[in-house]
Amino acid sequence: MPTKRLTLIGKPGCHLCDDARETIKAVIAALPTELSAELTEQSILDDEALHARYWDEIPVVLINNRVHTIWRVEPERLRSALLEETE
């Protein structure tokens, strides 16, 4: 089963980004053992294109390079999206 790629786009010092990171990690940890997901992070301060696109929307969560959510991560919605991706 392929690994789901989650990307958290944010910046250092962003409390919403910190909240999103913790929520994502908790959701990944609670996934069924047959599912695999990994989290990477990108900072809008390190990438001009990301900054131009998302500066007023962070944190942004991508699942397999598609926008899943902005600002706040709802655990059950993220879990459902990860489970749907496997079907």
Protein backbone atom coordinates (compact mmCIF):
# COMPACT_ATOMS: atom_id res chain seq x y z
CA MET A 1 0.00 0.00 0.00
CA PRO A 2 1.53 3.37 -0.96
CA THR A 3 2.53 5.85 1.69
CA LYS A 4 0.37 8.96 1.94
CA ARG A 5 2.42 12.12 1.72
CA LEU A 6 1.32 14.95 3.97
CA THR A 7 2.96 18.34 3.64
CA LEU A 8 2.57 21.08 6.21
CA ILE A 9 3.27 24.51 4.77
CA GLY A 10 3.89 27.13 7.41
CA LYS A 11 6.60 29.19 9.04
CA PRO A 12 8.52 29.27 12.31
CA GLY A 13 6.74 30.98 15.18
CA CYS A 14 3.26 30.30 13.79
CA HIS A 15 1.08 28.95 16.61
CA LEU A 16 -1.54 27.62 14.18
CA CYS A 17 1.26 25.74 12.39
CA ASP A 18 2.36 24.24 15.71
CA ASP A 19 -1.23 23.17 16.43
CA ALA A 20 -1.58 21.69 12.93
CA ARG A 21 1.68 19.72 13.31
CA GLU A 22 0.54 18.18 16.60
CA THR A 23 -2.88 17.29 15.17
CA ILE A 24 -1.35 15.70 12.07
CA LYS A 25 1.11 13.66 14.14
CA ALA A 26 -1.71 12.42 16.38
CA VAL A 27 -3.84 11.41 13.39
CA ILE A 28 -0.94 9.58 11.75
CA ALA A 29 -0.14 7.76 14.99
CA ALA A 30 -3.76 6.57 15.28
CA LEU A 31 -4.09 5.26 11.72
CA PRO A 32 -4.69 1.55 11.20
CA THR A 33 -1.42 -0.37 10.94
CA GLU A 34 -1.99 -1.17 7.27
CA LEU A 35 -1.91 2.54 6.39
CA SER A 36 1.29 4.49 6.07
CA ALA A 37 1.60 8.27 6.12
CA GLU A 38 4.56 10.58 6.45
CA LEU A 39 4.75 14.27 7.21
CA THR A 40 7.15 16.75 5.68
CA GLU A 41 7.25 20.47 6.33
CA GLN A 42 7.99 23.44 4.12
CA SER A 43 8.43 27.03 5.25
CA ILE A 44 7.07 29.93 3.24
CA LEU A 45 10.18 31.81 4.38
CA ASP A 46 12.41 29.43 2.41
CA ASP A 47 10.46 29.36 -0.86
CA GLU A 48 9.32 32.47 -2.72
CA ALA A 49 6.67 30.60 -4.70
CA LEU A 50 5.13 29.13 -1.53
CA HIS A 51 5.26 32.54 0.12
CA ALA A 52 3.49 34.21 -2.79
CA ARG A 53 0.82 31.52 -2.95
CA TYR A 54 0.12 30.80 0.72
CA TRP A 55 1.40 33.69 2.89
CA ASP A 56 -2.06 34.58 4.19
CA GLU A 57 -3.40 31.02 4.46
CA ILE A 58 -0.86 29.16 6.61
CA PRO A 59 -0.87 26.57 7.84
CA VAL A 60 -1.75 24.69 4.67
CA VAL A 61 -1.93 20.90 4.65
CA LEU A 62 -1.45 18.97 1.43
CA ILE A 63 -2.25 15.31 0.94
CA ASN A 64 -0.32 13.86 -1.99
CA ASN A 65 0.35 17.41 -3.25
CA ARG A 66 -3.31 18.47 -3.15
CA VAL A 67 -4.62 21.07 -0.72
CA HIS A 68 -6.57 19.40 2.06
CA THR A 69 -7.09 22.32 4.42
CA ILE A 70 -5.94 25.78 5.45
CA TRP A 71 -5.68 27.45 8.87
CA ARG A 72 -7.02 24.68 11.13
CA VAL A 73 -6.75 20.92 10.88
CA GLU A 74 -9.81 18.97 11.97
CA PRO A 75 -8.60 15.55 13.11
CA GLU A 76 -11.61 13.53 11.94
CA ARG A 77 -11.69 15.23 8.54
CA LEU A 78 -7.98 14.51 8.05
CA ARG A 79 -8.39 10.90 9.12
CA SER A 80 -11.32 10.45 6.75
CA ALA A 81 -9.36 11.96 3.89
CA LEU A 82 -6.42 9.63 4.52
CA LEU A 83 -8.73 6.62 4.62
CA GLU A 84 -10.49 7.73 1.40
CA GLU A 85 -7.16 8.01 -0.37
CA THR A 86 -6.66 4.27 0.13
CA GLU A 87 -9.96 3.20 -1.41
